[in-house]
Protein backbone atom coordinates (compact mmCIF):
# COMPACT_ATOMS: atom_id res chain seq x y z
CA UNK A 1 0.11 -0.02 -0.16
CA UNK A 2 2.54 2.57 1.16
CA UNK A 3 4.86 1.74 -1.95
CA UNK A 4 1.82 2.39 -4.30
CA UNK A 5 1.18 5.77 -2.82
CA UNK A 6 4.79 6.54 -3.22
CA UNK A 7 5.08 5.42 -6.88
CA UNK A 8 2.16 7.44 -7.54
CA UNK A 9 3.12 10.68 -5.96
CA UNK A 10 6.87 9.98 -7.66
CA UNK A 11 4.85 9.37 -11.20
CA UNK A 12 2.78 12.62 -10.74
CA UNK A 13 5.60 15.01 -9.91
CA UNK A 14 7.66 13.48 -12.65
CA UNK A 15 5.54 13.38 -15.06
CA UNK A 16 3.94 16.97 -14.47
CA UNK A 17 7.56 18.73 -14.53
CA UNK A 18 8.27 17.00 -17.73
CA UNK A 19 4.71 17.92 -19.43
CA UNK A 20 5.37 21.64 -17.80
CA UNK A 21 8.66 21.95 -19.23
CA UNK A 22 7.75 20.74 -22.59
CA UNK A 23 4.85 22.83 -23.22
CA UNK A 24 7.07 25.84 -22.37
CA UNK A 25 9.52 25.02 -25.04
CA UNK A 26 6.34 24.72 -27.40
CA UNK A 27 5.42 28.42 -26.33
CA UNK A 28 2.42 27.58 -23.97
CA UNK A 29 1.94 28.33 -20.46
CA UNK A 30 3.21 25.11 -18.22
CA UNK A 31 0.21 24.63 -16.31
CA UNK A 32 -1.36 23.51 -19.91
CA UNK A 33 1.08 20.86 -19.93
CA UNK A 34 0.54 19.53 -16.03
CA UNK A 35 -3.39 19.64 -16.88
CA UNK A 36 -3.11 17.72 -20.08
CA UNK A 37 -0.77 15.00 -18.36
CA UNK A 38 -2.97 14.91 -15.38
CA UNK A 39 -5.90 14.15 -17.38
CA UNK A 40 -3.79 11.35 -19.37
CA UNK A 41 -2.29 9.42 -16.56
CA UNK A 42 -5.50 10.08 -14.13
CA UNK A 43 -8.33 7.56 -14.03
CA UNK A 44 -10.17 9.36 -16.93
CA UNK A 45 -7.82 7.88 -19.58
CA UNK A 46 -4.67 5.62 -18.80
CA UNK A 47 -5.85 4.89 -15.05
CA UNK A 48 -2.29 5.01 -13.95
CA UNK A 49 -3.24 7.05 -11.06
CA UNK A 50 -6.33 5.58 -8.93
CA UNK A 51 -8.66 7.33 -6.71
CA UNK A 52 -7.45 6.85 -3.22
CA UNK A 53 -8.30 8.81 0.16
CA UNK A 54 -4.74 9.64 0.72
CA UNK A 55 -4.45 11.40 -2.54
CA UNK A 56 -7.62 12.99 -2.01
CA UNK A 57 -6.63 14.44 1.20
CA UNK A 58 -3.33 15.86 -0.21
CA UNK A 59 -5.36 17.39 -3.03
CA UNK A 60 -7.63 19.27 -0.30
CA UNK A 61 -4.42 20.36 1.28
CA UNK A 62 -3.03 21.60 -1.88
CA UNK A 63 -6.39 23.56 -2.65
CA UNK A 64 -6.21 25.11 0.68
CA UNK A 65 -2.61 26.29 0.53
């Protein structure tokens, strides 16, 4: 369980960083690349990131900050 959570966090951080950098090189805002990769790796398309209670709580903290 814990390994899967840390793998998902690492996948999120790495993929959003790469997508943000790529979109800036293409002349677009970095947030656009991050949003697109979030949709692609999330449960909507590829399903690499599953909905879990811990990720939901972390996302709520991120919204508050």
